[in-house]
PDB file of N, CA and C in Angstrom:
ATOM      1  N   MET A   1      -2.125 -37.481 -22.841  1.00  0.00           N
ATOM      2  CA  MET A   1      -2.208 -36.355 -21.740  1.00  0.00           C
ATOM      3  C   MET A   1      -3.683 -35.949 -21.417  1.00  0.00           C
ATOM      4  N   ASN A   2      -3.994 -35.965 -20.292  1.00  0.00           N
ATOM      5  CA  ASN A   2      -5.399 -35.580 -20.232  1.00  0.00           C
ATOM      6  C   ASN A   2      -5.713 -34.248 -19.886  1.00  0.00           C
ATOM      7  N   ALA A   3      -6.847 -33.572 -19.957  1.00  0.00           N
ATOM      8  CA  ALA A   3      -7.083 -32.062 -19.838  1.00  0.00           C
ATOM      9  C   ALA A   3      -6.630 -31.497 -18.666  1.00  0.00           C
ATOM     10  N   LYS A   4      -6.904 -32.282 -17.600  1.00  0.00           N
ATOM     11  CA  LYS A   4      -6.255 -31.516 -16.035  1.00  0.00           C
ATOM     12  C   LYS A   4      -4.753 -31.329 -15.837  1.00  0.00           C
ATOM     13  N   ASN A   5      -4.076 -32.115 -16.699  1.00  0.00           N
ATOM     14  CA  ASN A   5      -2.567 -31.903 -16.521  1.00  0.00           C
ATOM     15  C   ASN A   5      -2.052 -31.048 -17.541  1.00  0.00           C
ATOM     16  N   GLU A   6      -2.909 -30.530 -18.508  1.00  0.00           N
ATOM     17  CA  GLU A   6      -2.523 -29.594 -19.452  1.00  0.00           C
ATOM     18  C   GLU A   6      -2.244 -28.013 -18.942  1.00  0.00           C
ATOM     19  N   ASN A   7      -1.394 -27.602 -19.304  1.00  0.00           N
ATOM     20  CA  ASN A   7      -1.171 -25.974 -19.076  1.00  0.00           C
ATOM     21  C   ASN A   7      -2.116 -25.313 -19.808  1.00  0.00           C
ATOM     22  N   PRO A   8      -3.022 -24.535 -19.251  1.00  0.00           N
ATOM     23  CA  PRO A   8      -3.673 -23.667 -20.028  1.00  0.00           C
ATOM     24  C   PRO A   8      -3.146 -22.362 -20.854  1.00  0.00           C
ATOM     25  N   ALA A   9      -1.898 -22.072 -20.327  1.00  0.00           N
ATOM     26  CA  ALA A   9      -1.206 -20.955 -20.969  1.00  0.00           C
ATOM     27  C   ALA A   9      -0.531 -21.591 -22.265  1.00  0.00           C
ATOM     28  N   LYS A  10      -0.417 -22.698 -22.204  1.00  0.00           N
ATOM     29  CA  LYS A  10       0.391 -23.418 -23.466  1.00  0.00           C
ATOM     30  C   LYS A  10      -0.498 -24.695 -23.730  1.00  0.00           C
ATOM     31  N   PRO A  11      -1.306 -24.833 -24.464  1.00  0.00           N
ATOM     32  CA  PRO A  11      -1.903 -25.863 -24.983  1.00  0.00           C
ATOM     33  C   PRO A  11      -1.167 -26.922 -25.370  1.00  0.00           C
ATOM     34  N   GLY A  12      -1.551 -28.267 -24.904  1.00  0.00           N
ATOM     35  CA  GLY A  12      -0.710 -29.332 -25.404  1.00  0.00           C
ATOM     36  C   GLY A  12       0.643 -29.573 -24.780  1.00  0.00           C
ATOM     37  N   ARG A  13       0.938 -28.769 -23.638  1.00  0.00           N
ATOM     38  CA  ARG A  13       2.151 -28.849 -22.758  1.00  0.00           C
ATOM     39  C   ARG A  13       1.689 -29.344 -21.423  1.00  0.00           C
ATOM     40  N   ALA A  14       2.265 -30.066 -20.645  1.00  0.00           N
ATOM     41  CA  ALA A  14       2.001 -30.489 -19.376  1.00  0.00           C
ATOM     42  C   ALA A  14       2.304 -29.497 -18.370  1.00  0.00           C
ATOM     43  N   ALA A  15       1.595 -29.151 -17.394  1.00  0.00           N
ATOM     44  CA  ALA A  15       1.954 -28.378 -16.276  1.00  0.00           C
ATOM     45  C   ALA A  15       3.058 -28.830 -15.219  1.00  0.00           C
ATOM     46  N   PHE A  16       3.742 -28.549 -14.706  1.00  0.00           N
ATOM     47  CA  PHE A  16       4.684 -29.024 -13.737  1.00  0.00           C
ATOM     48  C   PHE A  16       4.475 -28.545 -12.298  1.00  0.00           C
ATOM     49  N   ALA A  17       4.187 -29.529 -11.584  1.00  0.00           N
ATOM     50  CA  ALA A  17       3.898 -29.405 -10.243  1.00  0.00           C
ATOM     51  C   ALA A  17       5.254 -29.394  -9.504  1.00  0.00           C
ATOM     52  N   CYS A  18       5.068 -28.590  -8.273  1.00  0.00           N
ATOM     53  CA  CYS A  18       6.192 -28.579  -7.332  1.00  0.00           C
ATOM     54  C   CYS A  18       6.406 -29.925  -6.581  1.00  0.00           C
ATOM     55  N   ASN A  19       7.796 -30.286  -6.403  1.00  0.00           N
ATOM     56  CA  ASN A  19       8.001 -31.240  -5.780  1.00  0.00           C
ATOM     57  C   ASN A  19       7.954 -31.035  -4.452  1.00  0.00           C
ATOM     58  N   PRO A  20       6.976 -32.033  -3.507  1.00  0.00           N
ATOM     59  CA  PRO A  20       7.165 -31.881  -2.252  1.00  0.00           C
ATOM     60  C   PRO A  20       8.356 -32.030  -1.534  1.00  0.00           C
ATOM     61  N   VAL A  21       9.400 -32.715  -2.187  1.00  0.00           N
ATOM     62  CA  VAL A  21      10.627 -32.988  -1.169  1.00  0.00           C
ATOM     63  C   VAL A  21      11.223 -31.650  -1.147  1.00  0.00           C
ATOM     64  N   TYR A  22      11.268 -30.636  -2.102  1.00  0.00           N
ATOM     65  CA  TYR A  22      11.828 -29.402  -1.946  1.00  0.00           C
ATOM     66  C   TYR A  22      10.867 -28.232  -1.185  1.00  0.00           C
ATOM     67  N   GLY A  23       9.885 -28.586  -0.892  1.00  0.00           N
ATOM     68  CA  GLY A  23       8.866 -27.731  -0.279  1.00  0.00           C
ATOM     69  C   GLY A  23       9.466 -26.732   0.774  1.00  0.00           C
ATOM     70  N   GLU A  24      10.332 -27.169   1.797  1.00  0.00           N
ATOM     71  CA  GLU A  24      10.902 -26.193   2.749  1.00  0.00           C
ATOM     72  C   GLU A  24      11.923 -25.331   1.939  1.00  0.00           C
ATOM     73  N   LEU A  25      12.414 -25.371   0.744  1.00  0.00           N
ATOM     74  CA  LEU A  25      13.395 -24.611   0.088  1.00  0.00           C
ATOM     75  C   LEU A  25      12.599 -23.641  -0.642  1.00  0.00           C
ATOM     76  N   ALA A  26      11.194 -23.702  -0.943  1.00  0.00           N
ATOM     77  CA  ALA A  26      10.464 -22.944  -1.828  1.00  0.00           C
ATOM     78  C   ALA A  26       9.915 -21.537  -1.207  1.00  0.00           C
ATOM     79  N   ALA A  27      10.462 -21.301  -0.018  1.00  0.00           N
ATOM     80  CA  ALA A  27      10.031 -19.881   0.565  1.00  0.00           C
ATOM     81  C   ALA A  27      11.121 -19.384   1.654  1.00  0.00           C
ATOM     82  N   THR A  28      11.101 -18.203   1.592  1.00  0.00           N
ATOM     83  CA  THR A  28      12.216 -17.538   2.601  1.00  0.00           C
ATOM     84  C   THR A  28      11.528 -17.759   4.160  1.00  0.00           C
ATOM     85  N   ALA A  29      12.348 -17.296   5.022  1.00  0.00           N
ATOM     86  CA  ALA A  29      11.870 -17.413   6.459  1.00  0.00           C
ATOM     87  C   ALA A  29      10.558 -16.710   6.773  1.00  0.00           C
ATOM     88  N   SER A  30      10.372 -15.544   6.007  1.00  0.00           N
ATOM     89  CA  SER A  30       9.108 -14.665   6.069  1.00  0.00           C
ATOM     90  C   SER A  30       7.959 -15.575   5.295  1.00  0.00           C
ATOM     91  N   GLY A  31       8.040 -16.739   4.470  1.00  0.00           N
ATOM     92  CA  GLY A  31       6.998 -17.152   3.907  1.00  0.00           C
ATOM     93  C   GLY A  31       6.817 -16.844   2.412  1.00  0.00           C
ATOM     94  N   ASP A  32       7.693 -15.775   1.985  1.00  0.00           N
ATOM     95  CA  ASP A  32       7.656 -15.182   0.699  1.00  0.00           C
ATOM     96  C   ASP A  32       8.323 -16.535  -0.204  1.00  0.00           C
ATOM     97  N   PRO A  33       7.683 -16.626  -1.496  1.00  0.00           N
ATOM     98  CA  PRO A  33       8.317 -17.661  -2.336  1.00  0.00           C
ATOM     99  C   PRO A  33       9.873 -17.367  -2.736  1.00  0.00           C
ATOM    100  N   LEU A  34      10.619 -18.223  -2.946  1.00  0.00           N
ATOM    101  CA  LEU A  34      11.969 -17.741  -3.146  1.00  0.00           C
ATOM    102  C   LEU A  34      12.175 -17.711  -4.690  1.00  0.00           C
ATOM    103  N   THR A  35      12.796 -16.581  -4.969  1.00  0.00           N
ATOM    104  CA  THR A  35      12.968 -16.108  -6.473  1.00  0.00           C
ATOM    105  C   THR A  35      14.447 -15.776  -6.566  1.00  0.00           C
ATOM    106  N   LEU A  36      14.802 -16.209  -7.825  1.00  0.00           N
ATOM    107  CA  LEU A  36      16.387 -15.979  -8.017  1.00  0.00           C
ATOM    108  C   LEU A  36      16.340 -14.887  -9.043  1.00  0.00           C
ATOM    109  N   LEU A  37      17.291 -13.932  -8.958  1.00  0.00           N
ATOM    110  CA  LEU A  37      17.543 -12.621  -9.708  1.00  0.00           C
ATOM    111  C   LEU A  37      18.907 -13.106 -10.671  1.00  0.00           C
ATOM    112  N   ARG A  38      18.682 -12.933 -11.892  1.00  0.00           N
ATOM    113  CA  ARG A  38      19.910 -12.714 -13.060  1.00  0.00           C
ATOM    114  C   ARG A  38      20.635 -11.362 -12.620  1.00  0.00           C
ATOM    115  N   LEU A  39      21.999 -11.534 -13.269  1.00  0.00           N
ATOM    116  CA  LEU A  39      22.851 -10.449 -13.340  1.00  0.00           C
ATOM    117  C   LEU A  39      22.221  -9.057 -13.437  1.00  0.00           C
ATOM    118  N   ARG A  40      21.682  -9.018 -14.601  1.00  0.00           N
ATOM    119  CA  ARG A  40      20.880  -7.890 -15.008  1.00  0.00           C
ATOM    120  C   ARG A  40      20.051  -7.121 -14.054  1.00  0.00           C
ATOM    121  N   GLU A  41      19.178  -7.898 -13.413  1.00  0.00           N
ATOM    122  CA  GLU A  41      18.191  -7.561 -12.485  1.00  0.00           C
ATOM    123  C   GLU A  41      19.077  -7.179 -11.296  1.00  0.00           C
ATOM    124  N   VAL A  42      19.946  -7.834 -10.687  1.00  0.00           N
ATOM    125  CA  VAL A  42      20.734  -7.660  -9.680  1.00  0.00           C
ATOM    126  C   VAL A  42      21.393  -6.029  -9.677  1.00  0.00           C
ATOM    127  N   CYS A  43      21.972  -5.778 -10.877  1.00  0.00           N
ATOM    128  CA  CYS A  43      22.783  -4.632 -11.271  1.00  0.00           C
ATOM    129  C   CYS A  43      21.679  -3.409 -11.351  1.00  0.00           C
ATOM    130  N   ARG A  44      20.452  -3.777 -11.890  1.00  0.00           N
ATOM    131  CA  ARG A  44      19.297  -2.721 -11.698  1.00  0.00           C
ATOM    132  C   ARG A  44      18.898  -2.326 -10.396  1.00  0.00           C
ATOM    133  N   ARG A  45      18.778  -3.449  -9.575  1.00  0.00           N
ATOM    134  CA  ARG A  45      18.063  -3.189  -8.263  1.00  0.00           C
ATOM    135  C   ARG A  45      19.221  -2.546  -7.151  1.00  0.00           C
ATOM    136  N   THR A  46      20.538  -2.667  -7.486  1.00  0.00           N
ATOM    137  CA  THR A  46      21.443  -2.211  -6.468  1.00  0.00           C
ATOM    138  C   THR A  46      22.174  -1.010  -7.251  1.00  0.00           C
ATOM    139  N   GLY A  47      22.058  -0.993  -8.400  1.00  0.00           N
ATOM    140  CA  GLY A  47      22.688   0.430  -9.079  1.00  0.00           C
ATOM    141  C   GLY A  47      24.146   0.226  -9.354  1.00  0.00           C
ATOM    142  N   LYS A  48      24.460  -1.101  -9.139  1.00  0.00           N
ATOM    143  CA  LYS A  48      26.132  -1.410  -9.247  1.00  0.00           C
ATOM    144  C   LYS A  48      26.339  -1.927 -10.684  1.00  0.00           C
ATOM    145  N   SER A  49      27.378  -1.948 -11.269  1.00  0.00           N
ATOM    146  CA  SER A  49      27.881  -2.370 -12.584  1.00  0.00           C
ATOM    147  C   SER A  49      28.127  -3.926 -12.328  1.00  0.00           C
ATOM    148  N   ARG A  50      28.016  -4.754 -13.483  1.00  0.00           N
ATOM    149  CA  ARG A  50      28.597  -5.724 -13.357  1.00  0.00           C
ATOM    150  C   ARG A  50      29.892  -6.166 -12.771  1.00  0.00           C
ATOM    151  N   SER A  51      30.887  -5.450 -13.074  1.00  0.00           N
ATOM    152  CA  SER A  51      32.350  -5.609 -12.686  1.00  0.00           C
ATOM    153  C   SER A  51      32.087  -5.171 -11.030  1.00  0.00           C
ATOM    154  N   GLU A  52      31.598  -4.165 -10.613  1.00  0.00           N
ATOM    155  CA  GLU A  52      31.263  -3.961  -9.160  1.00  0.00           C
ATOM    156  C   GLU A  52      30.664  -4.988  -8.436  1.00  0.00           C
ATOM    157  N   VAL A  53      29.696  -5.601  -8.968  1.00  0.00           N
ATOM    158  CA  VAL A  53      29.054  -6.604  -8.181  1.00  0.00           C
ATOM    159  C   VAL A  53      29.990  -7.732  -8.092  1.00  0.00           C
ATOM    160  N   TYR A  54      30.796  -8.352  -8.894  1.00  0.00           N
ATOM    161  CA  TYR A  54      31.761  -9.474  -8.777  1.00  0.00           C
ATOM    162  C   TYR A  54      32.972  -8.902  -7.798  1.00  0.00           C
ATOM    163  N   ARG A  55      33.169  -7.650  -8.108  1.00  0.00           N
ATOM    164  CA  ARG A  55      34.381  -7.021  -6.906  1.00  0.00           C
ATOM    165  C   ARG A  55      33.953  -7.043  -5.785  1.00  0.00           C
ATOM    166  N   ARG A  56      32.849  -6.951  -5.405  1.00  0.00           N
ATOM    167  CA  ARG A  56      32.149  -7.141  -3.853  1.00  0.00           C
ATOM    168  C   ARG A  56      32.089  -8.271  -3.614  1.00  0.00           C
ATOM    169  N   ILE A  57      31.711  -9.300  -4.524  1.00  0.00           N
ATOM    170  CA  ILE A  57      31.649 -10.753  -4.091  1.00  0.00           C
ATOM    171  C   ILE A  57      33.047 -11.047  -3.774  1.00  0.00           C
ATOM    172  N   ALA A  58      34.203 -10.726  -4.448  1.00  0.00           N
ATOM    173  CA  ALA A  58      35.590 -11.182  -3.982  1.00  0.00           C
ATOM    174  C   ALA A  58      35.938 -10.699  -2.831  1.00  0.00           C
ATOM    175  N   ALA A  59      35.431  -9.486  -2.527  1.00  0.00           N
ATOM    176  CA  ALA A  59      35.868  -8.810  -1.023  1.00  0.00           C
ATOM    177  C   ALA A  59      35.180  -9.297  -0.047  1.00  0.00           C
ATOM    178  N   GLY A  60      33.721 -10.130  -0.415  1.00  0.00           N
ATOM    179  CA  GLY A  60      33.025 -10.730   0.655  1.00  0.00           C
ATOM    180  C   GLY A  60      32.049  -9.626   1.201  1.00  0.00           C
ATOM    181  N   ASP A  61      31.804  -8.804   0.400  1.00  0.00           N
ATOM    182  CA  ASP A  61      30.719  -7.666   0.771  1.00  0.00           C
ATOM    183  C   ASP A  61      29.387  -7.861  -0.111  1.00  0.00           C
ATOM    184  N   PHE A  62      29.225  -9.054  -0.757  1.00  0.00           N
ATOM    185  CA  PHE A  62      28.013  -9.065  -1.637  1.00  0.00           C
ATOM    186  C   PHE A  62      27.660 -10.547  -1.592  1.00  0.00           C
ATOM    187  N   PRO A  63      26.318 -10.836  -1.595  1.00  0.00           N
ATOM    188  CA  PRO A  63      26.158 -12.381  -1.508  1.00  0.00           C
ATOM    189  C   PRO A  63      26.559 -13.295  -2.830  1.00  0.00           C
ATOM    190  N   GLN A  64      27.154 -14.403  -2.641  1.00  0.00           N
ATOM    191  CA  GLN A  64      27.597 -15.295  -3.747  1.00  0.00           C
ATOM    192  C   GLN A  64      26.526 -15.759  -4.466  1.00  0.00           C
ATOM    193  N   PRO A  65      26.460 -15.971  -5.871  1.00  0.00           N
ATOM    194  CA  PRO A  65      25.646 -16.395  -6.533  1.00  0.00           C
ATOM    195  C   PRO A  65      25.413 -17.898  -6.723  1.00  0.00           C
ATOM    196  N   VAL A  66      24.182 -18.292  -7.070  1.00  0.00           N
ATOM    197  CA  VAL A  66      23.801 -19.649  -7.027  1.00  0.00           C
ATOM    198  C   VAL A  66      24.136 -20.334  -8.737  1.00  0.00           C
ATOM    199  N   LYS A  67      24.764 -21.287  -8.805  1.00  0.00           N
ATOM    200  CA  LYS A  67      24.782 -21.601 -10.181  1.00  0.00           C
ATOM    201  C   LYS A  67      23.803 -22.440 -10.603  1.00  0.00           C
ATOM    202  N   LEU A  68      23.226 -22.081 -11.789  1.00  0.00           N
ATOM    203  CA  LEU A  68      21.990 -22.578 -12.517  1.00  0.00           C
ATOM    204  C   LEU A  68      22.534 -23.463 -13.702  1.00  0.00           C
ATOM    205  N   GLY A  69      23.314 -23.465 -13.991  1.00  0.00           N
ATOM    206  CA  GLY A  69      24.276 -24.356 -15.079  1.00  0.00           C
ATOM    207  C   GLY A  69      25.699 -23.938 -15.272  1.00  0.00           C
ATOM    208  N   GLU A  70      26.348 -24.275 -16.372  1.00  0.00           N
ATOM    209  CA  GLU A  70      27.680 -24.164 -16.628  1.00  0.00           C
ATOM    210  C   GLU A  70      27.807 -22.610 -16.747  1.00  0.00           C
ATOM    211  N   ARG A  71      27.126 -22.057 -17.610  1.00  0.00           N
ATOM    212  CA  ARG A  71      27.321 -20.638 -17.731  1.00  0.00           C
ATOM    213  C   ARG A  71      26.163 -19.760 -17.348  1.00  0.00           C
ATOM    214  N   ALA A  72      25.370 -20.014 -16.132  1.00  0.00           N
ATOM    215  CA  ALA A  72      24.209 -19.173 -15.538  1.00  0.00           C
ATOM    216  C   ALA A  72      24.268 -19.110 -14.255  1.00  0.00           C
ATOM    217  N   SER A  73      24.059 -18.099 -13.739  1.00  0.00           N
ATOM    218  CA  SER A  73      24.069 -17.721 -12.086  1.00  0.00           C
ATOM    219  C   SER A  73      22.952 -16.951 -12.129  1.00  0.00           C
ATOM    220  N   ALA A  74      22.381 -17.080 -10.653  1.00  0.00           N
ATOM    221  CA  ALA A  74      21.693 -16.042 -10.199  1.00  0.00           C
ATOM    222  C   ALA A  74      21.614 -15.904  -8.794  1.00  0.00           C
ATOM    223  N   TRP A  75      21.141 -14.871  -8.198  1.00  0.00           N
ATOM    224  CA  TRP A  75      21.171 -14.511  -6.775  1.00  0.00           C
ATOM    225  C   TRP A  75      19.776 -14.769  -6.061  1.00  0.00           C
ATOM    226  N   PRO A  76      19.819 -15.251  -4.805  1.00  0.00           N
ATOM    227  CA  PRO A  76      18.579 -15.349  -4.140  1.00  0.00           C
ATOM    228  C   PRO A  76      17.777 -13.982  -4.047  1.00  0.00           C
ATOM    229  N   GLU A  77      16.580 -13.683  -4.285  1.00  0.00           N
ATOM    230  CA  GLU A  77      16.222 -12.299  -4.234  1.00  0.00           C
ATOM    231  C   GLU A  77      16.257 -11.538  -2.642  1.00  0.00           C
ATOM    232  N   HIS A  78      15.739 -12.610  -1.744  1.00  0.00           N
ATOM    233  CA  HIS A  78      15.953 -12.202  -0.394  1.00  0.00           C
ATOM    234  C   HIS A  78      17.405 -11.905   0.128  1.00  0.00           C
ATOM    235  N   GLU A  79      18.463 -12.357  -0.481  1.00  0.00           N
ATOM    236  CA  GLU A  79      19.678 -12.064   0.042  1.00  0.00           C
ATOM    237  C   GLU A  79      20.258 -10.819  -0.332  1.00  0.00           C
ATOM    238  N   VAL A  80      19.701 -10.522  -1.823  1.00  0.00           N
ATOM    239  CA  VAL A  80      20.095  -8.980  -2.547  1.00  0.00           C
ATOM    240  C   VAL A  80      19.250  -8.089  -1.736  1.00  0.00           C
ATOM    241  N   SER A  81      17.840  -8.296  -1.342  1.00  0.00           N
ATOM    242  CA  SER A  81      16.935  -7.420  -0.492  1.00  0.00           C
ATOM    243  C   SER A  81      17.690  -7.092   0.857  1.00  0.00           C
ATOM    244  N   ALA A  82      18.416  -8.215   1.421  1.00  0.00           N
ATOM    245  CA  ALA A  82      18.874  -7.925   2.722  1.00  0.00           C
ATOM    246  C   ALA A  82      20.090  -7.353   2.542  1.00  0.00           C
ATOM    247  N   TRP A  83      20.934  -7.373   1.648  1.00  0.00           N
ATOM    248  CA  TRP A  83      22.132  -6.350   1.558  1.00  0.00           C
ATOM    249  C   TRP A  83      21.750  -5.221   1.143  1.00  0.00           C
ATOM    250  N   ILE A  84      20.562  -4.894   0.327  1.00  0.00           N
ATOM    251  CA  ILE A  84      20.284  -3.591  -0.062  1.00  0.00           C
ATOM    252  C   ILE A  84      19.859  -2.705   1.471  1.00  0.00           C
ATOM    253  N   ALA A  85      19.002  -3.748   2.497  1.00  0.00           N
ATOM    254  CA  ALA A  85      18.348  -3.217   3.626  1.00  0.00           C
ATOM    255  C   ALA A  85      19.771  -2.844   4.535  1.00  0.00           C
ATOM    256  N   GLU A  86      20.853  -3.662   4.518  1.00  0.00           N
ATOM    257  CA  GLU A  86      21.884  -3.455   5.393  1.00  0.00           C
ATOM    258  C   GLU A  86      22.652  -2.015   5.046  1.00  0.00           C
ATOM    259  N   ARG A  87      22.691  -1.757   3.581  1.00  0.00           N
ATOM    260  CA  ARG A  87      23.296  -0.627   3.149  1.00  0.00           C
ATOM    261  C   ARG A  87      22.430   0.572   3.617  1.00  0.00           C
ATOM    262  N   ILE A  88      20.961   0.596   3.757  1.00  0.00           N
ATOM    263  CA  ILE A  88      20.195   1.646   4.319  1.00  0.00           C
ATOM    264  C   ILE A  88      20.374   1.741   5.816  1.00  0.00           C
ATOM    265  N   ALA A  89      20.349   0.568   6.508  1.00  0.00           N
ATOM    266  CA  ALA A  89      20.481   0.648   7.967  1.00  0.00           C
ATOM    267  C   ALA A  89      21.779   1.124   8.281  1.00  0.00           C
ATOM    268  N   ALA A  90      23.060   1.035   7.442  1.00  0.00           N
ATOM    269  CA  ALA A  90      24.368   1.546   7.888  1.00  0.00           C
ATOM    270  C   ALA A  90      24.326   3.107   7.768  1.00  0.00           C
ATOM    271  N   ARG A  91      23.482   3.505   6.669  1.00  0.00           N
ATOM    272  CA  ARG A  91      23.268   4.757   6.537  1.00  0.00           C
ATOM    273  C   ARG A  91      22.674   5.603   7.501  1.00  0.00           C
ATOM    274  N   ASP A  92      21.449   4.863   8.049  1.00  0.00           N
ATOM    275  CA  ASP A  92      20.690   5.475   9.082  1.00  0.00           C
ATOM    276  C   ASP A  92      21.348   5.518  10.387  1.00  0.00           C
ATOM    277  N   ALA A  93      22.141   4.441  10.734  1.00  0.00           N
ATOM    278  CA  ALA A  93      22.987   4.365  11.964  1.00  0.00           C
ATOM    279  C   ALA A  93      24.069   5.699  11.942  1.00  0.00           C
ATOM    280  N   GLY A  94      24.545   5.848  10.736  1.00  0.00           N
ATOM    281  CA  GLY A  94      25.337   6.924  10.804  1.00  0.00           C
ATOM    282  C   GLY A  94      24.771   8.430  10.887  1.00  0.00           C
ATOM    283  N   ARG A  95      23.646   8.469  10.692  1.00  0.00           N
ATOM    284  CA  ARG A  95      22.845   9.641  11.055  1.00  0.00           C
ATOM    285  C   ARG A  95      22.562   9.997  12.422  1.00  0.00           C
ATOM    286  N   ALA A  96      22.234   8.565  12.927  1.00  0.00           N
ATOM    287  CA  ALA A  96      21.688   8.689  14.450  1.00  0.00           C
ATOM    288  C   ALA A  96      22.895   9.030  15.183  1.00  0.00           C
ATOM    289  N   ALA A  97      24.281   8.530  14.809  1.00  0.00           N
ATOM    290  CA  ALA A  97      25.236   8.731  15.719  1.00  0.00           C
ATOM    291  C   ALA A  97      25.607  10.129  15.989  1.00  0.00           C
TER     292      ALA A  97
END
């Protein structure tokens, strides 16, 4: 392994480069990098419990998670943010009416 391929944060480990094939999936429509949130962070951001998040998913009122493996799931950050923005817009529409 040569010096330019090493990860400066972890000596002796190769740095991983992004695969250009997946480049179009690496950002949201606004150009922000795509980030996945685990359940704990989703609960923290929404103020909902784990069971309430899954209840809303079953009711079709919350974004579906993305499977990361057999026992791991996460939610695209932009979808959770959009869900929060919809709740705020619904609240504000109720005030304006």
